[in-house]
Amino acid sequence: MIKSKLIVLLLSSFFLQGCSVKGVKTQKIEVSTRFEKEIQAFEQQDKYGDFGKIDVLFVGSSSIRMWTTLSEDMQPFKVLNRGFGGATTAEVLQYYDRIIKRHQPEIFVIYVGENDISEGINPVETVRLNTLLFNKIQQDFPTSKIIYISMKPSIARWNLWADFQEGNVKIEELCRSNSNWHYIETADMMLNQDGTIRRDIFIEDGLHMNAKGYESWTKVVKDKIIEIKFK
């Protein structure tokens, strides 16, 4: 686990900003500055880039960051990739104002949670942090929609799959509580019929996906975006 110069982020700070989250208790989150350079790079892009109106903002961990064909895959929608490092939900919350709040997309696509659990946060706490993130977005962008991509099974983290499933079930329930929140299940396309993990959709590390894996994600994510925009 890589953690350098840990700082303490109180969830209460979000409440003081006016975000009231039903059922979420104030607690401490430890977050690091390990991705500060990546966030600064995003800020430079935002400062000098001319992105115009963004249809969809993708945010989350390396499964988003490494989606290098995202812009092409999501055409004709205009998208922006704000995936960074091996981000946890706490780190996405930490950098919320710097990478999320400054943009005004119609749809947010989120992939976080997997790294939380791999770093020892239990599924219940992971869901609680995602609840806070969803509510922050809802407060700041009341007409925007959220799409949550379920925590994926992988070769490298197969031992954690049961925990990922527990978190996924709870986040799917969370999404049912708000008509602006949508859940995408990815396990069906990433597992064989006998329930074992597909090995042909991962790169050598057994954790991150190859082009074939992203092809599977592209179809379900784009279909959901189309459904939301044109229903």
Protein backbone atom coordinates (compact mmCIF):
# COMPACT_ATOMS: atom_id res chain seq x y z
CA MET A 1 0.00 0.00 0.00
CA ILE A 2 1.47 3.34 -1.04
CA LYS A 3 0.68 6.15 1.37
CA SER A 4 2.86 9.24 1.72
CA LYS A 5 2.39 12.25 3.97
CA LEU A 6 -1.09 11.22 5.04
CA ILE A 7 -3.44 14.06 5.79
CA VAL A 8 -6.74 13.86 7.61
CA LEU A 9 -9.87 14.88 5.76
CA LEU A 10 -12.98 15.28 7.90
CA LEU A 11 -16.22 14.45 6.21
CA SER A 12 -17.73 17.13 8.40
CA SER A 13 -16.10 19.70 6.09
CA PHE A 14 -18.47 18.59 3.36
CA PHE A 15 -21.43 19.04 5.68
CA LEU A 16 -20.25 22.55 6.53
CA GLN A 17 -20.35 23.32 2.82
CA GLY A 18 -24.04 22.47 2.85
CA CYS A 19 -24.05 18.86 1.80
CA SER A 20 -26.42 16.93 4.02
CA VAL A 21 -26.18 13.20 3.45
CA LYS A 22 -28.88 11.12 5.04
CA GLY A 23 -27.52 8.04 6.77
CA VAL A 24 -23.86 8.97 6.36
CA LYS A 25 -21.99 9.48 9.59
CA THR A 26 -19.25 12.05 10.00
CA GLN A 27 -15.93 10.26 10.07
CA LYS A 28 -12.25 10.69 9.29
CA ILE A 29 -10.84 9.67 5.94
CA GLU A 30 -7.14 9.33 5.41
CA VAL A 31 -6.09 10.53 1.99
CA SER A 32 -2.66 11.00 0.51
CA THR A 33 -1.01 13.48 -1.81
CA ARG A 34 0.37 10.71 -4.02
CA PHE A 35 -1.59 11.89 -7.09
CA GLU A 36 -1.08 15.62 -6.66
CA LYS A 37 0.98 15.91 -9.85
CA GLU A 38 -1.79 14.26 -11.88
CA ILE A 39 -4.36 16.64 -10.43
CA GLN A 40 -2.14 19.62 -11.21
CA ALA A 41 -1.83 18.36 -14.79
CA PHE A 42 -5.64 18.28 -15.05
CA GLU A 43 -5.77 21.83 -13.75
CA GLN A 44 -3.33 22.94 -16.44
CA GLN A 45 -5.46 21.24 -19.08
CA ASP A 46 -8.55 22.99 -17.74
CA LYS A 47 -6.76 26.33 -17.68
CA TYR A 48 -5.44 26.21 -21.22
CA GLY A 49 -7.74 23.73 -22.94
CA ASP A 50 -10.91 24.67 -24.76
CA PHE A 51 -13.21 21.79 -23.89
CA GLY A 52 -16.48 23.60 -24.49
CA LYS A 53 -19.65 21.86 -23.39
CA ILE A 54 -18.95 18.39 -21.99
CA ASP A 55 -21.62 15.72 -22.36
CA VAL A 56 -20.04 13.17 -20.03
CA LEU A 57 -17.33 13.42 -17.38
CA PHE A 58 -15.60 10.15 -16.53
CA VAL A 59 -13.95 10.09 -13.11
CA GLY A 60 -12.37 7.41 -10.96
CA SER A 61 -9.34 5.18 -10.73
CA SER A 62 -6.96 3.56 -13.20
CA SER A 63 -9.71 1.64 -15.00
CA ILE A 64 -10.89 5.07 -16.18
CA ARG A 65 -7.40 6.57 -16.52
CA MET A 66 -6.23 3.74 -18.79
CA TRP A 67 -9.28 3.98 -21.06
CA THR A 68 -7.19 5.64 -23.75
CA THR A 69 -9.78 5.22 -26.51
CA LEU A 70 -12.56 6.78 -24.46
CA SER A 71 -13.16 9.81 -26.69
CA GLU A 72 -13.41 7.65 -29.80
CA ASP A 73 -15.46 4.95 -28.08
CA MET A 74 -18.10 7.41 -26.86
CA GLN A 75 -18.62 9.35 -30.08
CA PRO A 76 -20.66 11.36 -30.90
CA PHE A 77 -20.75 12.37 -27.25
CA LYS A 78 -18.12 14.80 -26.04
CA VAL A 79 -16.40 13.29 -23.03
CA LEU A 80 -13.61 14.22 -20.63
CA ASN A 81 -11.44 11.66 -18.83
CA ARG A 82 -10.57 12.55 -15.25
CA GLY A 83 -9.42 9.16 -14.03
CA PHE A 84 -6.24 9.28 -11.98
CA GLY A 85 -3.78 6.82 -10.50
CA GLY A 86 -5.22 4.08 -8.36
CA ALA A 87 -7.70 6.49 -6.81
CA THR A 88 -9.86 5.63 -3.83
CA THR A 89 -13.24 7.23 -3.22
CA ALA A 90 -11.66 9.35 -0.47
CA GLU A 91 -9.15 10.72 -2.95
CA VAL A 92 -11.88 11.54 -5.47
CA LEU A 93 -13.65 13.39 -2.66
CA GLN A 94 -10.45 15.17 -1.73
CA TYR A 95 -9.99 16.49 -5.26
CA TYR A 96 -13.69 17.00 -5.95
CA ASP A 97 -13.53 20.78 -6.33
CA ARG A 98 -10.48 20.58 -8.57
CA ILE A 99 -11.50 17.88 -11.04
CA ILE A 100 -15.29 17.52 -10.81
CA LYS A 101 -17.00 20.69 -9.68
CA ARG A 102 -15.38 22.92 -12.28
CA HIS A 103 -17.08 21.04 -15.14
CA GLN A 104 -20.79 20.96 -15.95
CA PRO A 105 -21.55 17.73 -17.81
CA GLU A 106 -24.98 16.26 -18.30
CA ILE A 107 -23.74 12.87 -17.09
CA PHE A 108 -21.05 11.70 -14.68
CA VAL A 109 -19.61 8.21 -15.10
CA ILE A 110 -17.91 6.98 -11.92
CA TYR A 111 -15.63 4.04 -11.26
CA VAL A 112 -14.36 3.92 -7.68
CA GLY A 113 -14.51 1.51 -4.77
CA GLU A 114 -12.27 -1.30 -5.93
CA ASN A 115 -9.14 0.35 -4.56
CA ASP A 116 -10.90 1.20 -1.30
CA ILE A 117 -11.54 -2.45 -0.60
CA SER A 118 -8.11 -3.55 -1.80
CA GLU A 119 -6.59 -1.11 0.72
CA GLY A 120 -8.60 -2.55 3.60
CA ILE A 121 -11.78 -0.45 3.69
CA ASN A 122 -14.78 -2.73 4.16
CA PRO A 123 -17.66 -2.75 1.67
CA VAL A 124 -20.03 -0.91 4.01
CA GLU A 125 -17.63 2.01 4.42
CA THR A 126 -16.93 2.00 0.69
CA VAL A 127 -20.63 2.37 -0.02
CA ARG A 128 -20.89 5.13 2.57
CA LEU A 129 -18.15 7.09 0.84
CA ASN A 130 -19.83 6.62 -2.52
CA THR A 131 -23.10 7.84 -1.02
CA LEU A 132 -21.33 11.02 -0.01
CA LEU A 133 -19.86 11.44 -3.49
CA PHE A 134 -23.23 10.88 -5.17
CA ASN A 135 -24.90 13.40 -2.89
CA LYS A 136 -22.19 15.99 -3.46
CA ILE A 137 -22.72 15.71 -7.20
CA GLN A 138 -26.50 15.79 -6.77
CA GLN A 139 -26.25 18.96 -4.71
CA ASP A 140 -23.97 20.78 -7.13
CA PHE A 141 -25.54 19.43 -10.34
CA PRO A 142 -29.21 18.72 -9.57
CA THR A 143 -30.18 18.01 -13.17
CA SER A 144 -27.16 15.89 -14.07
CA LYS A 145 -27.20 12.10 -14.03
CA ILE A 146 -24.74 9.69 -12.44
CA ILE A 147 -23.73 6.34 -13.89
CA TYR A 148 -21.84 4.02 -11.56
CA ILE A 149 -19.81 1.23 -13.18
CA SER A 150 -19.76 -1.77 -10.86
CA MET A 151 -16.51 -2.89 -9.25
CA LYS A 152 -15.04 -5.39 -11.65
CA PRO A 153 -13.76 -8.91 -11.08
CA SER A 154 -10.12 -9.43 -12.04
CA ILE A 155 -7.42 -12.09 -11.97
CA ALA A 156 -5.20 -10.11 -9.60
CA ARG A 157 -7.96 -9.38 -7.09
CA TRP A 158 -10.05 -12.51 -7.41
CA ASN A 159 -9.66 -13.07 -3.67
CA LEU A 160 -11.58 -9.83 -3.09
CA TRP A 161 -14.41 -10.57 -5.51
CA ALA A 162 -16.89 -11.47 -2.77
CA ASP A 163 -16.26 -8.08 -1.11
CA PHE A 164 -16.62 -6.28 -4.43
CA GLN A 165 -19.92 -8.07 -4.99
CA GLU A 166 -21.17 -7.04 -1.55
CA GLY A 167 -20.35 -3.42 -2.31
CA ASN A 168 -21.89 -3.63 -5.76
CA VAL A 169 -25.19 -4.93 -4.40
CA LYS A 170 -25.40 -2.05 -1.93
CA ILE A 171 -24.48 0.57 -4.52
CA GLU A 172 -27.06 -0.83 -6.92
CA GLU A 173 -29.62 -0.41 -4.13
CA LEU A 174 -28.36 3.14 -3.60
CA CYS A 175 -28.87 3.95 -7.27
CA ARG A 176 -32.45 2.74 -7.09
CA SER A 177 -33.14 5.41 -4.45
CA ASN A 178 -32.71 8.31 -6.88
CA SER A 179 -33.99 8.55 -10.45
CA ASN A 180 -30.85 10.48 -11.45
CA TRP A 181 -28.54 7.62 -10.40
CA HIS A 182 -27.88 4.61 -12.60
CA TYR A 183 -25.95 1.39 -12.08
CA ILE A 184 -24.12 -0.71 -14.67
CA GLU A 185 -23.26 -4.34 -13.91
CA THR A 186 -20.07 -5.45 -15.66
CA ALA A 187 -19.54 -8.91 -14.13
CA ASP A 188 -21.60 -10.77 -16.74
CA MET A 189 -19.27 -9.73 -19.54
CA MET A 190 -16.10 -10.34 -17.51
CA LEU A 191 -16.85 -13.85 -16.27
CA ASN A 192 -17.15 -17.16 -18.08
CA GLN A 193 -20.41 -19.10 -17.97
CA ASP A 194 -19.03 -21.24 -15.13
CA GLY A 195 -18.34 -18.13 -13.03
CA THR A 196 -14.58 -18.10 -13.49
CA ILE A 197 -12.76 -14.97 -14.57
CA ARG A 198 -12.08 -14.38 -18.24
CA ARG A 199 -8.35 -14.14 -18.86
CA ASP A 200 -8.51 -12.77 -22.39
CA ILE A 201 -9.64 -9.29 -21.35
CA PHE A 202 -6.72 -8.35 -19.08
CA ILE A 203 -3.19 -7.15 -19.63
CA GLU A 204 -0.24 -8.96 -18.04
CA ASP A 205 -0.79 -7.55 -14.55
CA GLY A 206 -4.14 -9.37 -14.35
CA LEU A 207 -5.75 -6.22 -12.96
CA HIS A 208 -6.20 -3.77 -15.80
CA MET A 209 -8.11 -4.42 -18.98
CA ASN A 210 -6.88 -4.69 -22.54
CA ALA A 211 -8.65 -3.40 -25.65
CA LYS A 212 -11.05 -6.36 -25.66
CA GLY A 213 -12.07 -5.60 -22.08
CA TYR A 214 -12.77 -1.97 -22.89
CA GLU A 215 -14.78 -3.00 -25.92
CA SER A 216 -17.15 -4.79 -23.55
CA TRP A 217 -17.38 -1.77 -21.28
CA THR A 218 -17.92 0.57 -24.23
CA LYS A 219 -21.12 -1.12 -25.32
CA VAL A 220 -22.86 -1.11 -21.95
CA VAL A 221 -21.70 2.36 -20.93
CA LYS A 222 -22.58 3.96 -24.25
CA ASP A 223 -25.95 2.22 -24.33
CA LYS A 224 -26.70 3.61 -20.87
CA ILE A 225 -25.67 7.12 -21.90
CA ILE A 226 -27.94 6.93 -24.94
CA GLU A 227 -30.79 5.63 -22.80
CA ILE A 228 -30.41 8.49 -20.32
CA LYS A 229 -30.07 11.25 -22.90
CA PHE A 230 -32.87 10.19 -25.19
CA LYS A 231 -35.46 8.50 -23.01
